[in-house]
Amino acid sequence: MRLGNAVLTRVLETSFEPGVEVFGHTPEQAWSDHADLLVPTFVNPDTRRWRVAIQTWVIDVDGLRVLIDTGVGNGRERPAIPVLHHLDTGFLQALTAAGVSPDSVDVVLNTHLHSDHVGWNTMASGGAWVPTFPNARYLLPEADFRYFCPDGPGCDDAARLVFDDSVAPVLEAGQVELFSGEHQLSDSVWLRPAAGHTPGSSVLWLDAGRPAVFVGDLTHCPIQIPRPSDPCAFDVDAAAAAATRKRVFTEAARRRAAVIPAHYPGHGGATLVARGDAFQVDG
C-alpha cells in the first residue's frame, strides 16, 4: 500500500488467539458494548478469544528500506510462551516473495525488546545465531537494552534467552545502534519515546505526504481505543503505558495520522477521532 510517497509492505509471521484475561481491568460488559468494533476481526465470536497477528512492516521511503520489528523467529527456546516455542514458519520466504530480500534492508527498528519483536533479528546458520539482515543498522532503544541486558533489572530467565539469541549476535556483529529520545532517520521518518509497555518502547512516525504512526505494543487490542486507560498484563508500567497511549492517540487524531499497531490483524491500522477521554475509529 502507499501512504503519500512511502510504500508499505506487511509480512505476517503467525497468528494465535490468547484469552482476554490479559486485560484484567476491562469489565466483561465492555467486550459486548464494543462488539461492533471487535467482532469478528479482533475477537473470535465463537471462542471469545482475542486475535493476535505477529507481523512485520516494511517502509520504503527517502531511499531507505526500514523494517519495523522482526517477530518471533524460528527455532527459539521460548518455554515461557508455549505458542512461540520452537516456532517454524515461512517468514523469510514470505518476506522475499513480497520483494524484500534480507540484504536489501537498510534499517531494522525494534520498537522494544520483547521476544515477539526481535526474533528475526537473527537466524540459525552453522550452529550459531547470525544477523538476518547483513547490511542493516539495527536500531534498539537504549532504555530497553539497559533494562533487558544480562545485568539489567528486567533480565529474568526468559529475557536472557531472548537477549542471547536475538540481540547479542547483532551487537557482536557491530550492527547495533542504540538510540534514546527523538531520533530522525530521514526527512519522512523519525522515532519518539513511548515508555510504559517497556521502559524504552518507541513509536515510528512517518509523513511522506500522508502521516502514520507505527505504535508497536502501545495498544494490543482495539478495546483500548474506546478504553485507553485499560492496561494489558504485558505492560511493565501500566499507568505510564496508558498515559503514553492517550498522548500518542491524541496527536494522531489531531494530525489525521493512521495508527498502526504491531499486533492488529485486519487492515492493520486506522485513523482515530478523540471523544472526550476516549477515542473511536474514524469511519
C-alpha atoms as a PDB file:
ATOM      1  CA  MET A   1       0.000   0.000   0.000  1.00  0.00           C
ATOM      2  CA  ARG A   2       1.005   3.615  -0.427  1.00  0.00           C
ATOM      3  CA  LEU A   3       0.976   6.457   2.072  1.00  0.00           C
ATOM      4  CA  GLY A   4       1.984   9.516   0.099  1.00  0.00           C
ATOM      5  CA  ASN A   5       5.443   8.816  -1.292  1.00  0.00           C
ATOM      6  CA  ALA A   6       6.031   5.876   1.035  1.00  0.00           C
ATOM      7  CA  VAL A   7       5.381   2.255   0.104  1.00  0.00           C
ATOM      8  CA  LEU A   8       4.296  -0.054   2.946  1.00  0.00           C
ATOM      9  CA  THR A   9       4.576  -3.829   2.894  1.00  0.00           C
ATOM     10  CA  ARG A  10       3.238  -6.092   5.633  1.00  0.00           C
ATOM     11  CA  VAL A  11       4.511  -9.643   6.136  1.00  0.00           C
ATOM     12  CA  LEU A  12       2.653 -11.940   8.523  1.00  0.00           C
ATOM     13  CA  GLU A  13       4.701 -14.421  10.532  1.00  0.00           C
ATOM     14  CA  THR A  14       1.989 -16.161  12.572  1.00  0.00           C
ATOM     15  CA  SER A  15      -1.237 -15.570  14.480  1.00  0.00           C
ATOM     16  CA  PHE A  16      -2.896 -17.003  17.562  1.00  0.00           C
ATOM     17  CA  GLU A  17      -5.766 -16.362  19.957  1.00  0.00           C
ATOM     18  CA  PRO A  18      -4.923 -15.797  23.637  1.00  0.00           C
ATOM     19  CA  GLY A  19      -7.546 -15.215  26.301  1.00  0.00           C
ATOM     20  CA  VAL A  20      -8.827 -11.728  27.067  1.00  0.00           C
ATOM     21  CA  GLU A  21      -7.876 -12.157  30.728  1.00  0.00           C
ATOM     22  CA  VAL A  22      -4.672 -10.238  29.964  1.00  0.00           C
ATOM     23  CA  PHE A  23      -6.966  -7.199  30.018  1.00  0.00           C
ATOM     24  CA  GLY A  24      -7.824  -7.812  33.646  1.00  0.00           C
ATOM     25  CA  HIS A  25      -9.216  -4.321  34.280  1.00  0.00           C
ATOM     26  CA  THR A  26     -11.595  -4.418  31.320  1.00  0.00           C
ATOM     27  CA  PRO A  27     -15.080  -5.414  32.529  1.00  0.00           C
ATOM     28  CA  GLU A  28     -16.854  -8.263  30.778  1.00  0.00           C
ATOM     29  CA  GLN A  29     -19.624  -5.947  29.628  1.00  0.00           C
ATOM     30  CA  ALA A  30     -17.158  -3.779  27.705  1.00  0.00           C
ATOM     31  CA  TRP A  31     -16.426  -6.600  25.266  1.00  0.00           C
ATOM     32  CA  SER A  32     -20.141  -6.765  24.434  1.00  0.00           C
ATOM     33  CA  ASP A  33     -20.574  -2.982  24.364  1.00  0.00           C
ATOM     34  CA  HIS A  34     -17.844  -2.690  21.721  1.00  0.00           C
ATOM     35  CA  ALA A  35     -18.670  -5.811  19.734  1.00  0.00           C
ATOM     36  CA  ASP A  36     -19.215  -3.770  16.565  1.00  0.00           C
ATOM     37  CA  LEU A  37     -15.577  -2.685  16.753  1.00  0.00           C
ATOM     38  CA  LEU A  38     -14.114  -6.016  17.835  1.00  0.00           C
ATOM     39  CA  VAL A  39     -16.051  -8.854  16.183  1.00  0.00           C
ATOM     40  CA  PRO A  40     -15.089 -10.767  14.105  1.00  0.00           C
ATOM     41  CA  THR A  41     -11.706  -9.306  13.092  1.00  0.00           C
ATOM     42  CA  PHE A  42     -10.228  -8.794  16.544  1.00  0.00           C
ATOM     43  CA  VAL A  43     -12.251 -11.112  18.767  1.00  0.00           C
ATOM     44  CA  ASN A  44     -13.369 -14.593  17.756  1.00  0.00           C
ATOM     45  CA  PRO A  45     -17.150 -14.630  18.357  1.00  0.00           C
ATOM     46  CA  ASP A  46     -17.196 -18.399  18.876  1.00  0.00           C
ATOM     47  CA  THR A  47     -14.419 -18.620  21.458  1.00  0.00           C
ATOM     48  CA  ARG A  48     -14.470 -15.047  22.831  1.00  0.00           C
ATOM     49  CA  ARG A  49     -10.715 -15.011  22.437  1.00  0.00           C
ATOM     50  CA  TRP A  50      -8.603 -12.108  21.299  1.00  0.00           C
ATOM     51  CA  ARG A  51      -6.927 -12.360  17.879  1.00  0.00           C
ATOM     52  CA  VAL A  52      -3.226 -11.504  17.628  1.00  0.00           C
ATOM     53  CA  ALA A  53      -1.119 -11.114  14.494  1.00  0.00           C
ATOM     54  CA  ILE A  54       2.673 -11.324  14.638  1.00  0.00           C
ATOM     55  CA  GLN A  55       3.795  -9.268  11.670  1.00  0.00           C
ATOM     56  CA  THR A  56       6.493  -7.041  10.276  1.00  0.00           C
ATOM     57  CA  TRP A  57       6.038  -3.760   8.437  1.00  0.00           C
ATOM     58  CA  VAL A  58       8.491  -2.587   5.773  1.00  0.00           C
ATOM     59  CA  ILE A  59       8.636   1.061   4.723  1.00  0.00           C
ATOM     60  CA  ASP A  60      10.319   2.181   1.511  1.00  0.00           C
ATOM     61  CA  VAL A  61      10.815   5.944   1.642  1.00  0.00           C
ATOM     62  CA  ASP A  62      13.542   8.552   1.159  1.00  0.00           C
ATOM     63  CA  GLY A  63      15.824   5.960  -0.428  1.00  0.00           C
ATOM     64  CA  LEU A  64      15.693   3.782   2.695  1.00  0.00           C
ATOM     65  CA  ARG A  65      14.155   0.400   3.355  1.00  0.00           C
ATOM     66  CA  VAL A  66      13.117   0.313   7.019  1.00  0.00           C
ATOM     67  CA  LEU A  67      11.860  -2.878   8.652  1.00  0.00           C
ATOM     68  CA  ILE A  68       9.780  -2.417  11.818  1.00  0.00           C
ATOM     69  CA  ASP A  69      10.022  -5.268  14.352  1.00  0.00           C
ATOM     70  CA  THR A  70      11.071  -8.772  13.413  1.00  0.00           C
ATOM     71  CA  GLY A  71       8.601 -11.143  15.024  1.00  0.00           C
ATOM     72  CA  VAL A  72       9.406 -14.328  16.903  1.00  0.00           C
ATOM     73  CA  GLY A  73      11.890 -16.187  14.706  1.00  0.00           C
ATOM     74  CA  ASN A  74      12.216 -19.895  14.038  1.00  0.00           C
ATOM     75  CA  GLY A  75      13.640 -22.447  16.422  1.00  0.00           C
ATOM     76  CA  ARG A  76      13.667 -20.254  19.522  1.00  0.00           C
ATOM     77  CA  GLU A  77      13.675 -21.530  23.069  1.00  0.00           C
ATOM     78  CA  ARG A  78      10.597 -19.774  24.470  1.00  0.00           C
ATOM     79  CA  PRO A  79       9.294 -22.127  27.174  1.00  0.00           C
ATOM     80  CA  ALA A  80       7.514 -19.289  28.994  1.00  0.00           C
ATOM     81  CA  ILE A  81       5.296 -18.715  25.922  1.00  0.00           C
ATOM     82  CA  PRO A  82       4.444 -22.164  24.516  1.00  0.00           C
ATOM     83  CA  VAL A  83       2.753 -20.816  21.372  1.00  0.00           C
ATOM     84  CA  LEU A  84       6.068 -19.214  20.373  1.00  0.00           C
ATOM     85  CA  HIS A  85       8.307 -22.090  21.483  1.00  0.00           C
ATOM     86  CA  HIS A  86      10.279 -23.690  18.613  1.00  0.00           C
ATOM     87  CA  LEU A  87       8.197 -21.840  16.030  1.00  0.00           C
ATOM     88  CA  ASP A  88       8.691 -22.882  12.409  1.00  0.00           C
ATOM     89  CA  THR A  89       7.202 -20.532   9.802  1.00  0.00           C
ATOM     90  CA  GLY A  90       7.952 -19.458   6.260  1.00  0.00           C
ATOM     91  CA  PHE A  91       8.517 -15.842   7.269  1.00  0.00           C
ATOM     92  CA  LEU A  92      11.756 -15.317   5.349  1.00  0.00           C
ATOM     93  CA  GLN A  93      10.263 -16.853   2.241  1.00  0.00           C
ATOM     94  CA  ALA A  94       7.198 -14.608   2.594  1.00  0.00           C
ATOM     95  CA  LEU A  95       9.413 -11.566   3.055  1.00  0.00           C
ATOM     96  CA  THR A  96      11.374 -12.399  -0.082  1.00  0.00           C
ATOM     97  CA  ALA A  97       8.179 -13.148  -2.022  1.00  0.00           C
ATOM     98  CA  ALA A  98       6.976  -9.655  -1.085  1.00  0.00           C
ATOM     99  CA  GLY A  99      10.052  -8.235  -2.798  1.00  0.00           C
ATOM    100  CA  VAL A 100      12.080  -7.648   0.364  1.00  0.00           C
ATOM    101  CA  SER A 101      15.318  -9.617   0.297  1.00  0.00           C
ATOM    102  CA  PRO A 102      17.210  -9.621   3.619  1.00  0.00           C
ATOM    103  CA  ASP A 103      20.274  -7.944   2.120  1.00  0.00           C
ATOM    104  CA  SER A 104      18.138  -5.066   0.788  1.00  0.00           C
ATOM    105  CA  VAL A 105      17.127  -3.835   4.260  1.00  0.00           C
ATOM    106  CA  ASP A 106      18.890  -0.652   5.378  1.00  0.00           C
ATOM    107  CA  VAL A 107      17.429  -0.232   8.870  1.00  0.00           C
ATOM    108  CA  VAL A 108      15.836  -2.629  11.337  1.00  0.00           C
ATOM    109  CA  LEU A 109      13.874  -0.937  14.120  1.00  0.00           C
ATOM    110  CA  ASN A 110      12.972  -2.880  17.241  1.00  0.00           C
ATOM    111  CA  THR A 111      10.250  -0.768  18.844  1.00  0.00           C
ATOM    112  CA  HIS A 112      11.059  -2.622  22.073  1.00  0.00           C
ATOM    113  CA  LEU A 113      12.940  -5.759  23.070  1.00  0.00           C
ATOM    114  CA  HIS A 114      10.226  -8.324  23.750  1.00  0.00           C
ATOM    115  CA  SER A 115      10.574 -11.773  22.194  1.00  0.00           C
ATOM    116  CA  ASP A 116       7.906 -11.243  19.521  1.00  0.00           C
ATOM    117  CA  HIS A 117       9.583  -8.092  18.184  1.00  0.00           C
ATOM    118  CA  VAL A 118      13.238  -9.116  17.861  1.00  0.00           C
ATOM    119  CA  GLY A 119      13.247 -12.770  16.796  1.00  0.00           C
ATOM    120  CA  TRP A 120      14.180 -12.426  13.143  1.00  0.00           C
ATOM    121  CA  ASN A 121      16.989 -10.051  14.044  1.00  0.00           C
ATOM    122  CA  THR A 122      18.946 -13.274  13.684  1.00  0.00           C
ATOM    123  CA  MET A 123      18.708 -16.680  12.072  1.00  0.00           C
ATOM    124  CA  ALA A 124      20.405 -20.010  12.636  1.00  0.00           C
ATOM    125  CA  SER A 125      23.439 -20.668  10.465  1.00  0.00           C
ATOM    126  CA  GLY A 126      26.281 -23.108  11.038  1.00  0.00           C
ATOM    127  CA  GLY A 127      25.170 -23.830  14.576  1.00  0.00           C
ATOM    128  CA  ALA A 128      25.123 -20.166  15.580  1.00  0.00           C
ATOM    129  CA  TRP A 129      22.787 -17.187  15.501  1.00  0.00           C
ATOM    130  CA  VAL A 130      23.819 -14.653  12.847  1.00  0.00           C
ATOM    131  CA  PRO A 131      22.239 -11.355  11.714  1.00  0.00           C
ATOM    132  CA  THR A 132      19.395 -11.971   9.268  1.00  0.00           C
ATOM    133  CA  PHE A 133      19.846  -8.564   7.619  1.00  0.00           C
ATOM    134  CA  PRO A 134      23.564  -8.302   6.915  1.00  0.00           C
ATOM    135  CA  ASN A 135      23.594  -4.742   5.558  1.00  0.00           C
ATOM    136  CA  ALA A 136      21.232  -3.166   8.077  1.00  0.00           C
ATOM    137  CA  ARG A 137      21.686  -0.911  11.040  1.00  0.00           C
ATOM    138  CA  TYR A 138      19.696  -2.348  13.938  1.00  0.00           C
ATOM    139  CA  LEU A 139      18.143   0.482  15.958  1.00  0.00           C
ATOM    140  CA  LEU A 140      17.418  -0.548  19.549  1.00  0.00           C
ATOM    141  CA  PRO A 141      16.020   1.721  22.270  1.00  0.00           C
ATOM    142  CA  GLU A 142      18.788   2.245  24.782  1.00  0.00           C
ATOM    143  CA  ALA A 143      16.458   2.156  27.800  1.00  0.00           C
ATOM    144  CA  ASP A 144      15.252  -1.322  26.826  1.00  0.00           C
ATOM    145  CA  PHE A 145      18.776  -2.502  26.106  1.00  0.00           C
ATOM    146  CA  ARG A 146      19.864  -1.455  29.599  1.00  0.00           C
ATOM    147  CA  TYR A 147      16.721  -2.932  31.172  1.00  0.00           C
ATOM    148  CA  PHE A 148      16.835  -6.352  29.472  1.00  0.00           C
ATOM    149  CA  CYS A 149      20.599  -6.869  29.139  1.00  0.00           C
ATOM    150  CA  PRO A 150      22.147  -9.607  31.323  1.00  0.00           C
ATOM    151  CA  ASP A 151      22.882  -7.186  34.195  1.00  0.00           C
ATOM    152  CA  GLY A 152      19.642  -5.234  33.805  1.00  0.00           C
ATOM    153  CA  PRO A 153      16.696  -5.164  36.216  1.00  0.00           C
ATOM    154  CA  GLY A 154      14.366  -6.756  33.652  1.00  0.00           C
ATOM    155  CA  CYS A 155      16.582  -9.702  32.764  1.00  0.00           C
ATOM    156  CA  ASP A 156      14.886 -12.845  34.042  1.00  0.00           C
ATOM    157  CA  ASP A 157      15.464 -16.290  32.529  1.00  0.00           C
ATOM    158  CA  ALA A 158      13.066 -15.641  29.633  1.00  0.00           C
ATOM    159  CA  ALA A 159      14.597 -12.265  28.780  1.00  0.00           C
ATOM    160  CA  ARG A 160      18.091 -13.759  28.902  1.00  0.00           C
ATOM    161  CA  LEU A 161      17.148 -16.306  26.237  1.00  0.00           C
ATOM    162  CA  VAL A 162      15.859 -13.501  24.005  1.00  0.00           C
ATOM    163  CA  PHE A 163      18.930 -11.340  24.546  1.00  0.00           C
ATOM    164  CA  ASP A 164      21.319 -14.208  23.856  1.00  0.00           C
ATOM    165  CA  ASP A 165      19.780 -15.364  20.560  1.00  0.00           C
ATOM    166  CA  SER A 166      18.274 -12.167  19.135  1.00  0.00           C
ATOM    167  CA  VAL A 167      20.261  -9.192  20.457  1.00  0.00           C
ATOM    168  CA  ALA A 168      23.782 -10.273  21.374  1.00  0.00           C
ATOM    169  CA  PRO A 169      24.643 -11.641  17.893  1.00  0.00           C
ATOM    170  CA  VAL A 170      23.850  -8.354  16.122  1.00  0.00           C
ATOM    171  CA  LEU A 171      25.680  -6.450  18.857  1.00  0.00           C
ATOM    172  CA  GLU A 172      28.745  -8.652  18.353  1.00  0.00           C
ATOM    173  CA  ALA A 173      28.494  -8.095  14.583  1.00  0.00           C
ATOM    174  CA  GLY A 174      28.763  -4.341  15.135  1.00  0.00           C
ATOM    175  CA  GLN A 175      25.361  -3.631  13.616  1.00  0.00           C
ATOM    176  CA  VAL A 176      23.568  -2.233  16.694  1.00  0.00           C
ATOM    177  CA  GLU A 177      22.860   1.463  17.123  1.00  0.00           C
ATOM    178  CA  LEU A 178      21.269   2.420  20.451  1.00  0.00           C
ATOM    179  CA  PHE A 179      19.002   5.465  20.458  1.00  0.00           C
ATOM    180  CA  SER A 180      17.181   7.491  23.074  1.00  0.00           C
ATOM    181  CA  GLY A 181      14.799  10.417  22.910  1.00  0.00           C
ATOM    182  CA  GLU A 182      13.768  11.639  19.478  1.00  0.00           C
ATOM    183  CA  HIS A 183      15.757  10.196  16.597  1.00  0.00           C
ATOM    184  CA  GLN A 184      15.460  11.385  12.990  1.00  0.00           C
ATOM    185  CA  LEU A 185      16.024   8.707  10.342  1.00  0.00           C
ATOM    186  CA  SER A 186      15.220  10.702   7.217  1.00  0.00           C
ATOM    187  CA  ASP A 187      13.099  13.630   6.065  1.00  0.00           C
ATOM    188  CA  SER A 188       9.965  11.498   6.426  1.00  0.00           C
ATOM    189  CA  VAL A 189      10.770   9.169   9.343  1.00  0.00           C
ATOM    190  CA  TRP A 190      11.519   9.798  12.986  1.00  0.00           C
ATOM    191  CA  LEU A 191      11.384   7.888  16.240  1.00  0.00           C
ATOM    192  CA  ARG A 192       9.916   9.072  19.524  1.00  0.00           C
ATOM    193  CA  PRO A 193       9.920   7.589  23.021  1.00  0.00           C
ATOM    194  CA  ALA A 194       6.691   5.929  24.183  1.00  0.00           C
ATOM    195  CA  ALA A 195       7.586   4.413  27.541  1.00  0.00           C
ATOM    196  CA  GLY A 196       5.217   2.252  29.555  1.00  0.00           C
ATOM    197  CA  HIS A 197       4.855  -1.096  27.852  1.00  0.00           C
ATOM    198  CA  THR A 198       8.606  -1.315  28.380  1.00  0.00           C
ATOM    199  CA  PRO A 199      10.981   1.414  29.585  1.00  0.00           C
ATOM    200  CA  GLY A 200      12.299   2.037  26.085  1.00  0.00           C
ATOM    201  CA  SER A 201       9.197   1.431  23.968  1.00  0.00           C
ATOM    202  CA  SER A 202       9.223   3.749  20.969  1.00  0.00           C
ATOM    203  CA  VAL A 203       6.976   4.700  18.078  1.00  0.00           C
ATOM    204  CA  LEU A 204       7.876   5.490  14.479  1.00  0.00           C
ATOM    205  CA  TRP A 205       6.256   8.484  12.838  1.00  0.00           C
ATOM    206  CA  LEU A 206       6.063   8.565   9.052  1.00  0.00           C
ATOM    207  CA  ASP A 207       4.994  11.529   6.950  1.00  0.00           C
ATOM    208  CA  ALA A 208       5.760  11.352   3.258  1.00  0.00           C
ATOM    209  CA  GLY A 209       2.573  13.153   2.248  1.00  0.00           C
ATOM    210  CA  ARG A 210       0.148  11.116   4.390  1.00  0.00           C
ATOM    211  CA  PRO A 211       1.006  10.677   8.072  1.00  0.00           C
ATOM    212  CA  ALA A 212       1.078   7.436  10.049  1.00  0.00           C
ATOM    213  CA  VAL A 213       2.431   6.288  13.379  1.00  0.00           C
ATOM    214  CA  PHE A 214       3.640   2.730  13.973  1.00  0.00           C
ATOM    215  CA  VAL A 215       2.964   2.255  17.664  1.00  0.00           C
ATOM    216  CA  GLY A 216       4.380  -1.189  18.451  1.00  0.00           C
ATOM    217  CA  ASP A 217       2.701  -2.520  21.594  1.00  0.00           C
ATOM    218  CA  LEU A 218       1.290   0.807  22.712  1.00  0.00           C
ATOM    219  CA  THR A 219      -2.022  -0.960  22.139  1.00  0.00           C
ATOM    220  CA  HIS A 220      -2.563  -4.703  21.901  1.00  0.00           C
ATOM    221  CA  CYS A 221      -6.274  -4.846  21.078  1.00  0.00           C
ATOM    222  CA  PRO A 222      -8.823  -2.291  19.796  1.00  0.00           C
ATOM    223  CA  ILE A 223     -10.665  -2.463  23.132  1.00  0.00           C
ATOM    224  CA  GLN A 224      -8.018   0.067  24.164  1.00  0.00           C
ATOM    225  CA  ILE A 225      -9.281   2.603  21.619  1.00  0.00           C
ATOM    226  CA  PRO A 226     -12.576   3.416  23.370  1.00  0.00           C
ATOM    227  CA  ARG A 227     -10.973   2.441  26.699  1.00  0.00           C
ATOM    228  CA  PRO A 228      -7.395   3.832  26.514  1.00  0.00           C
ATOM    229  CA  SER A 229      -6.911   3.617  30.284  1.00  0.00           C
ATOM    230  CA  ASP A 230      -7.356  -0.165  30.309  1.00  0.00           C
ATOM    231  CA  PRO A 231      -3.996  -1.851  30.892  1.00  0.00           C
ATOM    232  CA  CYS A 232      -2.585  -5.034  29.423  1.00  0.00           C
ATOM    233  CA  ALA A 233      -0.845  -7.568  31.656  1.00  0.00           C
ATOM    234  CA  PHE A 234       2.255  -7.391  29.459  1.00  0.00           C
ATOM    235  CA  ASP A 235       2.941  -3.728  30.345  1.00  0.00           C
ATOM    236  CA  VAL A 236       5.931  -3.114  32.617  1.00  0.00           C
ATOM    237  CA  ASP A 237       4.373   0.165  33.826  1.00  0.00           C
ATOM    238  CA  ALA A 238       0.639   0.126  33.120  1.00  0.00           C
ATOM    239  CA  ALA A 239      -0.006   3.706  34.268  1.00  0.00           C
ATOM    240  CA  ALA A 240       2.769   5.083  32.063  1.00  0.00           C
ATOM    241  CA  ALA A 241       1.552   2.951  29.147  1.00  0.00           C
ATOM    242  CA  ALA A 242      -1.974   4.372  29.478  1.00  0.00           C
ATOM    243  CA  ALA A 243      -0.684   7.947  29.623  1.00  0.00           C
ATOM    244  CA  THR A 244       1.501   7.363  26.572  1.00  0.00           C
ATOM    245  CA  ARG A 245      -1.362   5.697  24.694  1.00  0.00           C
ATOM    246  CA  LYS A 246      -3.607   8.723  25.260  1.00  0.00           C
ATOM    247  CA  ARG A 247      -0.857  11.136  24.252  1.00  0.00           C
ATOM    248  CA  VAL A 248       0.013   9.350  21.015  1.00  0.00           C
ATOM    249  CA  PHE A 249      -3.643   8.709  20.115  1.00  0.00           C
ATOM    250  CA  THR A 250      -4.416  12.388  20.707  1.00  0.00           C
ATOM    251  CA  GLU A 251      -1.587  13.542  18.450  1.00  0.00           C
ATOM    252  CA  ALA A 252      -2.534  11.004  15.789  1.00  0.00           C
ATOM    253  CA  ALA A 253      -6.169  12.140  15.853  1.00  0.00           C
ATOM    254  CA  ARG A 254      -5.133  15.793  15.602  1.00  0.00           C
ATOM    255  CA  ARG A 255      -2.832  15.082  12.663  1.00  0.00           C
ATOM    256  CA  ARG A 256      -5.233  12.644  10.976  1.00  0.00           C
ATOM    257  CA  ALA A 257      -2.456  10.044  11.063  1.00  0.00           C
ATOM    258  CA  ALA A 258      -3.101   6.342  10.628  1.00  0.00           C
ATOM    259  CA  VAL A 259      -2.366   4.439  13.839  1.00  0.00           C
ATOM    260  CA  ILE A 260      -0.691   1.123  13.003  1.00  0.00           C
ATOM    261  CA  PRO A 261      -0.145  -1.234  15.972  1.00  0.00           C
ATOM    262  CA  ALA A 262       2.149  -4.236  15.899  1.00  0.00           C
ATOM    263  CA  HIS A 263      -0.460  -6.914  16.538  1.00  0.00           C
ATOM    264  CA  TYR A 264      -3.740  -5.815  14.978  1.00  0.00           C
ATOM    265  CA  PRO A 265      -4.976  -8.176  12.251  1.00  0.00           C
ATOM    266  CA  GLY A 266      -7.314  -6.962   9.500  1.00  0.00           C
ATOM    267  CA  HIS A 267      -6.278  -3.740   7.768  1.00  0.00           C
ATOM    268  CA  GLY A 268      -3.562  -3.231  10.350  1.00  0.00           C
ATOM    269  CA  GLY A 269      -4.457   0.316  11.362  1.00  0.00           C
ATOM    270  CA  ALA A 270      -6.947   3.168  11.262  1.00  0.00           C
ATOM    271  CA  THR A 271      -7.356   6.883  11.832  1.00  0.00           C
ATOM    272  CA  LEU A 272      -8.883   7.870  15.155  1.00  0.00           C
ATOM    273  CA  VAL A 273     -11.171  10.601  16.433  1.00  0.00           C
ATOM    274  CA  ALA A 274     -10.985  11.898  20.003  1.00  0.00           C
ATOM    275  CA  ARG A 275     -14.204  11.766  22.006  1.00  0.00           C
ATOM    276  CA  GLY A 276     -13.519  13.266  25.413  1.00  0.00           C
ATOM    277  CA  ASP A 277     -11.093  10.962  27.196  1.00  0.00           C
ATOM    278  CA  ALA A 278     -11.730   8.144  24.720  1.00  0.00           C
ATOM    279  CA  PHE A 279     -11.249   7.549  21.013  1.00  0.00           C
ATOM    280  CA  GLN A 280     -13.130   5.936  18.184  1.00  0.00           C
ATOM    281  CA  VAL A 281     -12.217   4.689  14.753  1.00  0.00           C
ATOM    282  CA  ASP A 282     -12.974   7.256  12.074  1.00  0.00           C
ATOM    283  CA  GLY A 283     -15.459   5.573   9.742  1.00  0.00           C
END
